[in-house]
């Protein structure tokens, strides 16, 4: 599968579609999910075009991987979730429930 440059997250990253941004740096964009499954439901996406978590883990360089996960940690800290319960989920492939083929994390919390 090749990366689809017309997927909704690519369009959000390109500024073609607006989002309710929560956090952004050189590596990630995080925004509120438009169909939340919890009181807090954020999407965290890399700014580079990775299809899914396998593509990301296999093809992102070590610096990008490190900065991506440090950014996730910063988002958790900024939201005050460090000592709270939360979930981080991702989907891999159509059979794994992935709907948008740009790697993304769901950060969910009931606060």
N, C-alpha and C. Protein backbone atom coordinates (compact mmCIF):
# COMPACT_ATOMS: atom_id res chain seq x y z
N UNK A 1 0.84 -1.18 0.00
CA UNK A 1 0.00 0.00 0.00
C UNK A 1 0.88 1.24 0.00
N UNK A 2 0.56 2.17 -0.84
CA UNK A 2 1.26 3.46 -0.89
C UNK A 2 0.50 4.48 -0.05
N UNK A 3 1.22 5.44 0.47
CA UNK A 3 0.61 6.51 1.26
C UNK A 3 -0.31 7.34 0.36
N UNK A 4 -1.53 7.57 0.84
CA UNK A 4 -2.52 8.37 0.12
C UNK A 4 -2.40 9.82 0.58
N UNK A 5 -1.88 10.69 -0.27
CA UNK A 5 -1.69 12.10 0.07
C UNK A 5 -3.00 12.87 0.17
N UNK A 6 -4.11 12.21 -0.15
CA UNK A 6 -5.43 12.85 -0.09
C UNK A 6 -6.23 12.41 1.14
N UNK A 7 -5.60 11.66 2.07
CA UNK A 7 -6.35 11.24 3.27
C UNK A 7 -6.63 12.47 4.14
N UNK A 8 -7.61 12.33 5.01
CA UNK A 8 -8.07 13.48 5.80
C UNK A 8 -6.97 14.06 6.68
N UNK A 9 -6.09 13.22 7.24
CA UNK A 9 -5.03 13.75 8.10
C UNK A 9 -3.98 14.50 7.29
N UNK A 10 -3.70 14.03 6.08
CA UNK A 10 -2.79 14.77 5.20
C UNK A 10 -3.38 16.14 4.88
N UNK A 11 -4.69 16.18 4.66
CA UNK A 11 -5.35 17.46 4.36
C UNK A 11 -5.35 18.38 5.57
N UNK A 12 -5.50 17.81 6.76
CA UNK A 12 -5.41 18.62 7.99
C UNK A 12 -4.00 19.19 8.13
N UNK A 13 -2.99 18.35 7.92
CA UNK A 13 -1.60 18.80 8.01
C UNK A 13 -1.28 19.89 6.99
N UNK A 14 -1.90 19.81 5.82
CA UNK A 14 -1.68 20.81 4.76
C UNK A 14 -2.52 22.06 4.94
N UNK A 15 -3.36 22.09 5.97
CA UNK A 15 -4.21 23.25 6.22
C UNK A 15 -5.45 23.32 5.34
N UNK A 16 -5.73 22.24 4.61
CA UNK A 16 -6.91 22.22 3.74
C UNK A 16 -8.20 21.99 4.53
N UNK A 17 -8.08 21.31 5.67
CA UNK A 17 -9.21 21.02 6.54
C UNK A 17 -8.84 21.52 7.94
N UNK A 18 -9.72 22.29 8.59
CA UNK A 18 -9.41 22.78 9.93
C UNK A 18 -9.51 21.67 10.98
N UNK A 19 -8.85 21.92 12.11
CA UNK A 19 -8.96 21.01 13.25
C UNK A 19 -8.94 21.85 14.53
N UNK A 20 -9.38 21.23 15.61
CA UNK A 20 -9.35 21.87 16.92
C UNK A 20 -8.03 21.47 17.59
N UNK A 21 -6.97 22.21 17.24
CA UNK A 21 -5.61 21.88 17.65
C UNK A 21 -5.42 22.00 19.15
N UNK A 22 -4.71 21.01 19.71
CA UNK A 22 -4.36 20.99 21.13
C UNK A 22 -2.86 21.18 21.31
N UNK A 23 -2.07 20.63 20.37
CA UNK A 23 -0.61 20.67 20.49
C UNK A 23 -0.01 20.54 19.10
N UNK A 24 1.11 21.26 18.89
CA UNK A 24 1.82 21.11 17.63
C UNK A 24 3.28 21.46 17.84
N UNK A 25 4.15 20.68 17.21
CA UNK A 25 5.56 21.00 17.13
C UNK A 25 6.08 20.50 15.78
N UNK A 26 7.37 20.37 15.63
CA UNK A 26 7.93 19.95 14.34
C UNK A 26 7.63 18.49 14.00
N UNK A 27 7.20 17.70 14.97
CA UNK A 27 7.05 16.26 14.77
C UNK A 27 5.60 15.79 14.78
N UNK A 28 4.75 16.43 15.57
CA UNK A 28 3.38 15.96 15.72
C UNK A 28 2.37 17.11 15.66
N UNK A 29 1.16 16.71 15.35
CA UNK A 29 0.00 17.57 15.48
C UNK A 29 -1.01 16.77 16.29
N UNK A 30 -1.57 17.38 17.31
CA UNK A 30 -2.60 16.74 18.12
C UNK A 30 -3.84 17.62 18.12
N UNK A 31 -4.99 16.98 17.95
CA UNK A 31 -6.24 17.73 17.88
C UNK A 31 -7.38 16.87 18.41
N UNK A 32 -8.50 17.53 18.72
CA UNK A 32 -9.66 16.84 19.26
C UNK A 32 -10.34 16.01 18.17
N UNK A 33 -10.71 14.80 18.53
CA UNK A 33 -11.44 13.92 17.61
C UNK A 33 -12.84 14.49 17.42
N UNK A 34 -13.31 14.51 16.17
CA UNK A 34 -14.65 15.07 15.90
C UNK A 34 -15.76 14.11 16.30
N UNK A 35 -15.41 12.86 16.60
CA UNK A 35 -16.39 11.87 17.05
C UNK A 35 -15.85 11.21 18.32
N UNK A 36 -15.81 11.98 19.44
CA UNK A 36 -15.14 11.48 20.64
C UNK A 36 -15.80 10.24 21.25
N UNK A 37 -14.94 9.35 21.74
CA UNK A 37 -15.37 8.13 22.42
C UNK A 37 -15.14 8.21 23.93
N UNK A 38 -14.68 9.36 24.41
CA UNK A 38 -14.44 9.60 25.84
C UNK A 38 -14.52 11.11 26.06
N UNK A 39 -14.56 11.51 27.33
CA UNK A 39 -14.62 12.95 27.64
C UNK A 39 -13.47 13.70 26.97
N UNK A 40 -12.26 13.14 27.05
CA UNK A 40 -11.13 13.65 26.30
C UNK A 40 -10.76 12.61 25.26
N UNK A 41 -10.78 13.01 24.01
CA UNK A 41 -10.39 12.09 22.92
C UNK A 41 -9.61 12.90 21.90
N UNK A 42 -8.29 12.73 21.95
CA UNK A 42 -7.39 13.44 21.05
C UNK A 42 -6.79 12.49 20.04
N UNK A 43 -6.47 13.01 18.90
CA UNK A 43 -5.69 12.30 17.90
C UNK A 43 -4.30 12.90 17.89
N UNK A 44 -3.29 12.05 17.79
CA UNK A 44 -1.90 12.49 17.73
C UNK A 44 -1.33 11.89 16.46
N UNK A 45 -0.90 12.75 15.54
CA UNK A 45 -0.40 12.26 14.25
C UNK A 45 1.00 12.81 13.99
N UNK A 46 1.85 11.98 13.40
CA UNK A 46 3.16 12.49 12.99
C UNK A 46 2.97 13.41 11.78
N UNK A 47 3.85 14.35 11.62
CA UNK A 47 3.78 15.25 10.47
C UNK A 47 4.36 14.63 9.20
N UNK A 48 5.02 13.51 9.34
CA UNK A 48 5.55 12.78 8.19
C UNK A 48 4.53 11.74 7.73
N UNK A 49 4.58 11.34 6.45
CA UNK A 49 3.56 10.45 5.88
C UNK A 49 3.82 8.97 6.13
N UNK A 50 3.41 8.48 7.28
CA UNK A 50 3.49 7.07 7.60
C UNK A 50 2.08 6.48 7.55
N UNK A 51 1.94 5.31 6.96
CA UNK A 51 0.63 4.70 6.76
C UNK A 51 0.03 4.17 8.06
N UNK A 52 0.85 3.48 8.85
CA UNK A 52 0.37 2.85 10.08
C UNK A 52 1.54 2.69 11.04
N UNK A 53 1.27 2.09 12.19
CA UNK A 53 2.33 1.98 13.20
C UNK A 53 3.50 1.14 12.71
N UNK A 54 3.24 0.10 11.92
CA UNK A 54 4.35 -0.71 11.40
C UNK A 54 5.24 0.10 10.47
N UNK A 55 4.62 0.85 9.57
CA UNK A 55 5.37 1.73 8.67
C UNK A 55 6.20 2.73 9.48
N UNK A 56 5.58 3.30 10.50
CA UNK A 56 6.25 4.29 11.35
C UNK A 56 7.46 3.67 12.06
N UNK A 57 7.25 2.53 12.71
CA UNK A 57 8.33 1.91 13.48
C UNK A 57 9.46 1.40 12.59
N UNK A 58 9.13 0.97 11.39
CA UNK A 58 10.16 0.43 10.49
C UNK A 58 10.88 1.51 9.71
N UNK A 59 10.23 2.64 9.43
CA UNK A 59 10.80 3.60 8.49
C UNK A 59 11.15 4.97 9.05
N UNK A 60 10.66 5.32 10.22
CA UNK A 60 11.06 6.60 10.83
C UNK A 60 12.47 6.44 11.38
N UNK A 61 13.28 7.48 11.24
CA UNK A 61 14.63 7.39 11.80
C UNK A 61 14.55 7.53 13.32
N UNK A 62 15.64 7.17 13.98
CA UNK A 62 15.66 7.14 15.45
C UNK A 62 15.36 8.50 16.06
N UNK A 63 15.87 9.56 15.46
CA UNK A 63 15.62 10.90 15.98
C UNK A 63 14.13 11.23 15.90
N UNK A 64 13.50 10.91 14.77
CA UNK A 64 12.07 11.18 14.62
C UNK A 64 11.26 10.35 15.62
N UNK A 65 11.59 9.06 15.73
CA UNK A 65 10.89 8.20 16.70
C UNK A 65 10.99 8.78 18.11
N UNK A 66 12.19 9.14 18.50
CA UNK A 66 12.42 9.68 19.84
C UNK A 66 11.63 10.96 20.07
N UNK A 67 11.66 11.86 19.11
CA UNK A 67 10.95 13.12 19.26
C UNK A 67 9.44 12.95 19.21
N UNK A 68 8.96 12.00 18.43
CA UNK A 68 7.52 11.72 18.40
C UNK A 68 7.04 11.27 19.77
N UNK A 69 7.72 10.26 20.35
CA UNK A 69 7.28 9.74 21.64
C UNK A 69 7.50 10.76 22.76
N UNK A 70 8.54 11.58 22.68
CA UNK A 70 8.72 12.66 23.65
C UNK A 70 7.58 13.66 23.54
N UNK A 71 7.09 13.89 22.34
CA UNK A 71 5.95 14.80 22.13
C UNK A 71 4.68 14.22 22.73
N UNK A 72 4.48 12.91 22.58
CA UNK A 72 3.32 12.25 23.19
C UNK A 72 3.40 12.44 24.70
N UNK A 73 4.58 12.24 25.27
CA UNK A 73 4.77 12.43 26.71
C UNK A 73 4.48 13.88 27.12
N UNK A 74 4.89 14.83 26.31
CA UNK A 74 4.63 16.24 26.61
C UNK A 74 3.13 16.54 26.58
N UNK A 75 2.42 15.97 25.64
CA UNK A 75 0.97 16.16 25.57
C UNK A 75 0.31 15.60 26.83
N UNK A 76 0.70 14.40 27.23
CA UNK A 76 0.16 13.78 28.45
C UNK A 76 0.44 14.68 29.65
N UNK A 77 1.64 15.19 29.75
CA UNK A 77 2.01 16.07 30.85
C UNK A 77 1.22 17.38 30.81
N UNK A 78 1.12 17.99 29.64
CA UNK A 78 0.40 19.26 29.50
C UNK A 78 -1.07 19.14 29.90
N UNK A 79 -1.66 17.99 29.65
CA UNK A 79 -3.06 17.78 29.98
C UNK A 79 -3.26 17.39 31.44
N UNK A 80 -2.17 17.17 32.17
CA UNK A 80 -2.26 16.78 33.57
C UNK A 80 -2.66 15.34 33.75
N UNK A 81 -2.39 14.50 32.74
CA UNK A 81 -2.80 13.10 32.78
C UNK A 81 -1.75 12.18 33.39
N UNK A 82 -0.58 12.70 33.71
CA UNK A 82 0.50 11.85 34.18
C UNK A 82 0.06 10.96 35.34
N UNK A 83 -0.73 11.49 36.26
CA UNK A 83 -1.18 10.72 37.42
C UNK A 83 -2.63 10.27 37.29
N UNK A 84 -3.19 10.38 36.10
CA UNK A 84 -4.58 9.98 35.85
C UNK A 84 -4.58 8.70 35.02
N UNK A 85 -5.73 8.11 34.91
CA UNK A 85 -5.87 6.98 34.00
C UNK A 85 -6.17 7.49 32.60
N UNK A 86 -5.60 6.84 31.60
CA UNK A 86 -5.88 7.18 30.21
C UNK A 86 -5.55 5.98 29.33
N UNK A 87 -5.98 6.03 28.10
CA UNK A 87 -5.67 5.00 27.12
C UNK A 87 -4.96 5.63 25.93
N UNK A 88 -4.05 4.88 25.35
CA UNK A 88 -3.49 5.24 24.06
C UNK A 88 -3.73 4.04 23.15
N UNK A 89 -4.39 4.31 22.03
CA UNK A 89 -4.74 3.24 21.10
C UNK A 89 -4.29 3.60 19.69
N UNK A 90 -4.01 2.56 18.92
CA UNK A 90 -3.79 2.73 17.49
C UNK A 90 -4.36 1.52 16.79
N UNK A 91 -4.60 1.66 15.51
CA UNK A 91 -5.12 0.57 14.69
C UNK A 91 -4.12 0.32 13.57
N UNK A 92 -4.01 -0.94 13.14
CA UNK A 92 -3.10 -1.32 12.07
C UNK A 92 -3.90 -2.04 11.00
N UNK A 93 -4.07 -1.40 9.88
CA UNK A 93 -4.74 -2.03 8.75
C UNK A 93 -6.25 -2.09 8.88
N UNK A 94 -6.87 -2.34 7.76
CA UNK A 94 -8.34 -2.42 7.72
C UNK A 94 -8.87 -3.48 8.68
N UNK A 95 -8.21 -4.65 8.71
CA UNK A 95 -8.65 -5.72 9.62
C UNK A 95 -8.45 -5.36 11.09
N UNK A 96 -7.58 -4.40 11.37
CA UNK A 96 -7.35 -3.93 12.74
C UNK A 96 -8.20 -2.72 13.09
N UNK A 97 -9.10 -2.33 12.19
CA UNK A 97 -10.00 -1.21 12.47
C UNK A 97 -9.50 0.14 12.03
N UNK A 98 -8.38 0.19 11.30
CA UNK A 98 -7.86 1.48 10.84
C UNK A 98 -8.76 2.02 9.74
N UNK A 99 -9.18 3.28 9.91
CA UNK A 99 -10.05 3.93 8.93
C UNK A 99 -9.31 4.98 8.12
N UNK A 100 -8.36 5.67 8.75
CA UNK A 100 -7.55 6.67 8.05
C UNK A 100 -6.14 6.11 7.98
N UNK A 101 -5.60 6.00 6.77
CA UNK A 101 -4.31 5.35 6.58
C UNK A 101 -3.16 6.35 6.62
N UNK A 102 -3.13 7.06 7.76
CA UNK A 102 -2.01 7.89 8.21
C UNK A 102 -1.86 7.50 9.67
N UNK A 103 -0.67 7.03 10.06
CA UNK A 103 -0.47 6.58 11.43
C UNK A 103 -0.98 7.62 12.41
N UNK A 104 -1.73 7.17 13.40
CA UNK A 104 -2.24 8.07 14.44
C UNK A 104 -2.50 7.31 15.72
N UNK A 105 -2.41 8.05 16.80
CA UNK A 105 -2.73 7.53 18.13
C UNK A 105 -4.02 8.20 18.58
N UNK A 106 -4.81 7.44 19.33
CA UNK A 106 -5.97 7.98 20.03
C UNK A 106 -5.57 8.08 21.50
N UNK A 107 -5.71 9.24 22.09
CA UNK A 107 -5.48 9.44 23.51
C UNK A 107 -6.85 9.69 24.13
N UNK A 108 -7.28 8.78 24.99
CA UNK A 108 -8.61 8.84 25.58
C UNK A 108 -8.52 8.90 27.10
N UNK A 109 -9.36 9.74 27.70
CA UNK A 109 -9.43 9.84 29.17
C UNK A 109 -10.83 10.30 29.54
N UNK A 110 -11.24 9.93 30.73
CA UNK A 110 -12.57 10.33 31.20
C UNK A 110 -12.51 11.56 32.10
N UNK A 111 -11.55 12.43 31.79
CA UNK A 111 -11.44 13.70 32.51
C UNK A 111 -11.40 14.83 31.52
